[in-house]
Amino acid sequence: MTLRIDRHAVGQQVILQLVGNLQIEHLGELRKQIKTGGCDIVLDVRALTRISVEGIRFLNSCEGRRYCDRQRVEIRLGVDGTRTQH
């Protein structure tokens, strides 16, 4: 199962668009991308087709987690662009 992580910068914000299947073997790379992404990260999960239990736990754990002092992680869920900030 594959996961593609598309990285886009919009101003100071870095959007990590996750496409495909999020499995346990992808979590290390996703953590690395978040850590090096800067202080304003958006995880766009709208294009995920399958998420493992571990992937769901990881996304839930992003709430309140900061990899630098001012980092903010936001998860984009809705097809209309609705955002949930964490």
N, C-alpha and C. Protein backbone atom coordinates (compact mmCIF):
# COMPACT_ATOMS: atom_id res chain seq x y z
N MET A 1 0.84 -1.17 0.00
CA MET A 1 0.00 0.00 0.00
C MET A 1 0.89 1.24 0.00
N THR A 2 0.52 2.21 -0.76
CA THR A 2 1.38 3.38 -0.89
C THR A 2 0.72 4.63 -0.34
N LEU A 3 1.56 5.53 0.08
CA LEU A 3 1.15 6.86 0.52
C LEU A 3 2.02 7.86 -0.21
N ARG A 4 1.41 8.87 -0.77
CA ARG A 4 2.16 9.98 -1.37
C ARG A 4 1.93 11.19 -0.49
N ILE A 5 3.00 11.90 -0.19
CA ILE A 5 2.92 13.13 0.59
C ILE A 5 3.31 14.27 -0.33
N ASP A 6 2.33 15.08 -0.70
CA ASP A 6 2.58 16.26 -1.53
C ASP A 6 2.74 17.46 -0.61
N ARG A 7 3.84 18.17 -0.80
CA ARG A 7 4.18 19.30 0.07
C ARG A 7 3.99 20.59 -0.72
N HIS A 8 3.18 21.50 -0.18
CA HIS A 8 2.93 22.80 -0.82
C HIS A 8 3.14 23.90 0.21
N ALA A 9 3.78 24.97 -0.19
CA ALA A 9 3.95 26.13 0.69
C ALA A 9 3.02 27.24 0.21
N VAL A 10 2.26 27.78 1.15
CA VAL A 10 1.37 28.90 0.88
C VAL A 10 1.70 29.95 1.93
N GLY A 11 2.51 30.93 1.54
CA GLY A 11 2.98 31.90 2.52
C GLY A 11 3.84 31.20 3.56
N GLN A 12 3.51 31.41 4.84
CA GLN A 12 4.23 30.76 5.94
C GLN A 12 3.69 29.37 6.25
N GLN A 13 2.61 28.99 5.59
CA GLN A 13 1.95 27.72 5.87
C GLN A 13 2.46 26.62 4.95
N VAL A 14 2.71 25.43 5.52
CA VAL A 14 3.10 24.26 4.74
C VAL A 14 1.94 23.28 4.79
N ILE A 15 1.46 22.90 3.61
CA ILE A 15 0.37 21.93 3.50
C ILE A 15 0.96 20.60 3.08
N LEU A 16 0.70 19.58 3.89
CA LEU A 16 1.10 18.23 3.55
C LEU A 16 -0.17 17.49 3.15
N GLN A 17 -0.33 17.27 1.84
CA GLN A 17 -1.50 16.56 1.35
C GLN A 17 -1.17 15.08 1.30
N LEU A 18 -1.97 14.29 2.01
CA LEU A 18 -1.76 12.85 2.09
C LEU A 18 -2.69 12.18 1.09
N VAL A 19 -2.10 11.38 0.20
CA VAL A 19 -2.85 10.75 -0.88
C VAL A 19 -2.60 9.24 -0.84
N GLY A 20 -3.67 8.47 -0.80
CA GLY A 20 -3.53 7.01 -0.84
C GLY A 20 -3.88 6.37 0.48
N ASN A 21 -3.01 5.46 0.93
CA ASN A 21 -3.26 4.67 2.13
C ASN A 21 -2.25 5.03 3.22
N LEU A 22 -2.75 5.43 4.38
CA LEU A 22 -1.89 5.76 5.52
C LEU A 22 -1.79 4.54 6.41
N GLN A 23 -0.60 3.93 6.43
CA GLN A 23 -0.35 2.71 7.20
C GLN A 23 0.76 2.98 8.22
N ILE A 24 0.94 2.05 9.12
CA ILE A 24 1.94 2.20 10.18
C ILE A 24 3.34 2.46 9.61
N GLU A 25 3.67 1.84 8.48
CA GLU A 25 5.02 2.01 7.92
C GLU A 25 5.27 3.41 7.36
N HIS A 26 4.24 4.22 7.23
CA HIS A 26 4.39 5.59 6.72
C HIS A 26 4.54 6.64 7.82
N LEU A 27 4.30 6.26 9.06
CA LEU A 27 4.23 7.25 10.14
C LEU A 27 5.57 7.91 10.42
N GLY A 28 6.67 7.17 10.31
CA GLY A 28 7.99 7.76 10.53
C GLY A 28 8.28 8.88 9.55
N GLU A 29 8.00 8.66 8.28
CA GLU A 29 8.22 9.70 7.26
C GLU A 29 7.29 10.88 7.47
N LEU A 30 6.05 10.62 7.86
CA LEU A 30 5.11 11.71 8.10
C LEU A 30 5.56 12.55 9.29
N ARG A 31 6.03 11.91 10.36
CA ARG A 31 6.57 12.66 11.51
C ARG A 31 7.73 13.54 11.07
N LYS A 32 8.62 12.99 10.26
CA LYS A 32 9.78 13.74 9.76
C LYS A 32 9.32 14.96 8.96
N GLN A 33 8.33 14.77 8.09
CA GLN A 33 7.82 15.88 7.28
C GLN A 33 7.20 16.96 8.17
N ILE A 34 6.50 16.56 9.22
CA ILE A 34 5.91 17.54 10.14
C ILE A 34 7.00 18.30 10.88
N LYS A 35 8.00 17.57 11.39
CA LYS A 35 9.08 18.21 12.15
C LYS A 35 9.84 19.24 11.32
N THR A 36 10.05 18.94 10.05
CA THR A 36 10.85 19.84 9.20
C THR A 36 9.98 20.83 8.44
N GLY A 37 8.69 20.81 8.66
CA GLY A 37 7.76 21.63 7.88
C GLY A 37 7.66 23.08 8.29
N GLY A 38 8.16 23.44 9.45
CA GLY A 38 8.00 24.80 9.92
C GLY A 38 6.98 24.85 11.04
N CYS A 39 6.48 26.06 11.28
CA CYS A 39 5.63 26.26 12.45
C CYS A 39 4.14 26.34 12.13
N ASP A 40 3.75 26.24 10.91
CA ASP A 40 2.34 26.29 10.54
C ASP A 40 2.07 25.17 9.54
N ILE A 41 1.62 24.02 10.05
CA ILE A 41 1.46 22.81 9.25
C ILE A 41 -0.02 22.49 9.09
N VAL A 42 -0.40 22.15 7.87
CA VAL A 42 -1.75 21.64 7.60
C VAL A 42 -1.60 20.23 7.06
N LEU A 43 -2.27 19.28 7.69
CA LEU A 43 -2.34 17.91 7.17
C LEU A 43 -3.66 17.79 6.44
N ASP A 44 -3.60 17.69 5.13
CA ASP A 44 -4.80 17.57 4.31
C ASP A 44 -5.04 16.09 4.07
N VAL A 45 -6.06 15.54 4.73
CA VAL A 45 -6.32 14.10 4.68
C VAL A 45 -7.48 13.74 3.75
N ARG A 46 -7.96 14.72 3.00
CA ARG A 46 -9.14 14.49 2.15
C ARG A 46 -8.92 13.45 1.06
N ALA A 47 -7.67 13.25 0.62
CA ALA A 47 -7.41 12.30 -0.48
C ALA A 47 -6.97 10.93 0.02
N LEU A 48 -7.06 10.69 1.33
CA LEU A 48 -6.74 9.37 1.84
C LEU A 48 -7.89 8.42 1.51
N THR A 49 -7.53 7.24 1.04
CA THR A 49 -8.56 6.24 0.72
C THR A 49 -8.69 5.19 1.82
N ARG A 50 -7.62 5.02 2.59
CA ARG A 50 -7.64 4.05 3.68
C ARG A 50 -6.67 4.52 4.75
N ILE A 51 -7.09 4.37 6.01
CA ILE A 51 -6.24 4.74 7.15
C ILE A 51 -6.25 3.58 8.13
N SER A 52 -5.07 3.12 8.51
CA SER A 52 -4.98 2.05 9.50
C SER A 52 -5.32 2.60 10.88
N VAL A 53 -5.55 1.69 11.82
CA VAL A 53 -5.83 2.10 13.20
C VAL A 53 -4.67 2.93 13.74
N GLU A 54 -3.45 2.52 13.43
CA GLU A 54 -2.27 3.27 13.88
C GLU A 54 -2.24 4.67 13.25
N GLY A 55 -2.66 4.77 12.00
CA GLY A 55 -2.73 6.07 11.34
C GLY A 55 -3.74 6.99 12.00
N ILE A 56 -4.88 6.43 12.38
CA ILE A 56 -5.89 7.23 13.09
C ILE A 56 -5.36 7.68 14.44
N ARG A 57 -4.71 6.78 15.14
CA ARG A 57 -4.11 7.15 16.44
C ARG A 57 -3.07 8.26 16.26
N PHE A 58 -2.27 8.15 15.21
CA PHE A 58 -1.27 9.18 14.96
C PHE A 58 -1.93 10.53 14.71
N LEU A 59 -2.94 10.56 13.83
CA LEU A 59 -3.62 11.82 13.55
C LEU A 59 -4.25 12.40 14.80
N ASN A 60 -4.85 11.54 15.63
CA ASN A 60 -5.41 12.01 16.90
C ASN A 60 -4.34 12.57 17.81
N SER A 61 -3.15 11.98 17.79
CA SER A 61 -2.07 12.43 18.66
C SER A 61 -1.48 13.76 18.21
N CYS A 62 -1.75 14.17 16.98
CA CYS A 62 -1.25 15.46 16.50
C CYS A 62 -1.87 16.61 17.27
N GLU A 63 -3.02 16.38 17.85
CA GLU A 63 -3.70 17.42 18.61
C GLU A 63 -2.82 17.82 19.79
N GLY A 64 -2.47 19.07 19.82
CA GLY A 64 -1.68 19.60 20.91
C GLY A 64 -0.19 19.31 20.82
N ARG A 65 0.24 18.51 19.87
CA ARG A 65 1.66 18.19 19.75
C ARG A 65 2.35 19.30 18.97
N ARG A 66 3.49 19.71 19.47
CA ARG A 66 4.26 20.75 18.81
C ARG A 66 5.70 20.28 18.71
N TYR A 67 6.27 20.42 17.51
CA TYR A 67 7.65 20.02 17.29
C TYR A 67 8.61 21.20 17.40
N CYS A 68 8.06 22.39 17.49
CA CYS A 68 8.86 23.58 17.80
C CYS A 68 7.97 24.48 18.66
N ASP A 69 8.53 25.54 19.22
CA ASP A 69 7.81 26.36 20.19
C ASP A 69 6.50 26.93 19.68
N ARG A 70 6.47 27.39 18.44
CA ARG A 70 5.28 28.05 17.93
C ARG A 70 4.54 27.23 16.88
N GLN A 71 4.88 25.98 16.77
CA GLN A 71 4.27 25.17 15.71
C GLN A 71 2.80 24.92 15.98
N ARG A 72 2.04 24.94 14.91
CA ARG A 72 0.60 24.65 14.96
C ARG A 72 0.33 23.60 13.90
N VAL A 73 -0.36 22.53 14.29
CA VAL A 73 -0.72 21.48 13.34
C VAL A 73 -2.24 21.52 13.19
N GLU A 74 -2.66 21.60 11.96
CA GLU A 74 -4.08 21.68 11.62
C GLU A 74 -4.41 20.50 10.72
N ILE A 75 -5.58 19.89 10.91
CA ILE A 75 -5.99 18.78 10.05
C ILE A 75 -7.17 19.22 9.23
N ARG A 76 -7.03 19.13 7.91
CA ARG A 76 -8.09 19.51 6.98
C ARG A 76 -8.90 18.25 6.65
N LEU A 77 -10.18 18.29 7.01
CA LEU A 77 -11.01 17.10 6.92
C LEU A 77 -12.07 17.17 5.83
N GLY A 78 -12.85 18.22 5.81
CA GLY A 78 -14.04 18.25 4.97
C GLY A 78 -13.77 18.49 3.50
N VAL A 79 -14.66 17.99 2.67
CA VAL A 79 -14.52 18.19 1.24
C VAL A 79 -14.71 19.65 0.86
N ASP A 80 -15.33 20.41 1.75
CA ASP A 80 -15.55 21.83 1.49
C ASP A 80 -14.41 22.69 2.04
N GLY A 81 -13.32 22.03 2.49
CA GLY A 81 -12.19 22.77 3.03
C GLY A 81 -12.32 23.06 4.52
N THR A 82 -13.35 22.50 5.17
CA THR A 82 -13.52 22.70 6.60
C THR A 82 -12.27 22.27 7.33
N ARG A 83 -11.87 23.07 8.26
CA ARG A 83 -10.64 22.79 8.98
C ARG A 83 -10.93 22.57 10.45
N THR A 84 -10.09 21.73 11.05
CA THR A 84 -10.10 21.54 12.48
C THR A 84 -8.72 21.95 12.96
N GLN A 85 -8.64 22.94 13.82
CA GLN A 85 -7.33 23.39 14.29
C GLN A 85 -6.99 22.70 15.59
N HIS A 86 -5.71 22.35 15.72
CA HIS A 86 -5.22 21.69 16.93
C HIS A 86 -3.99 22.40 17.40
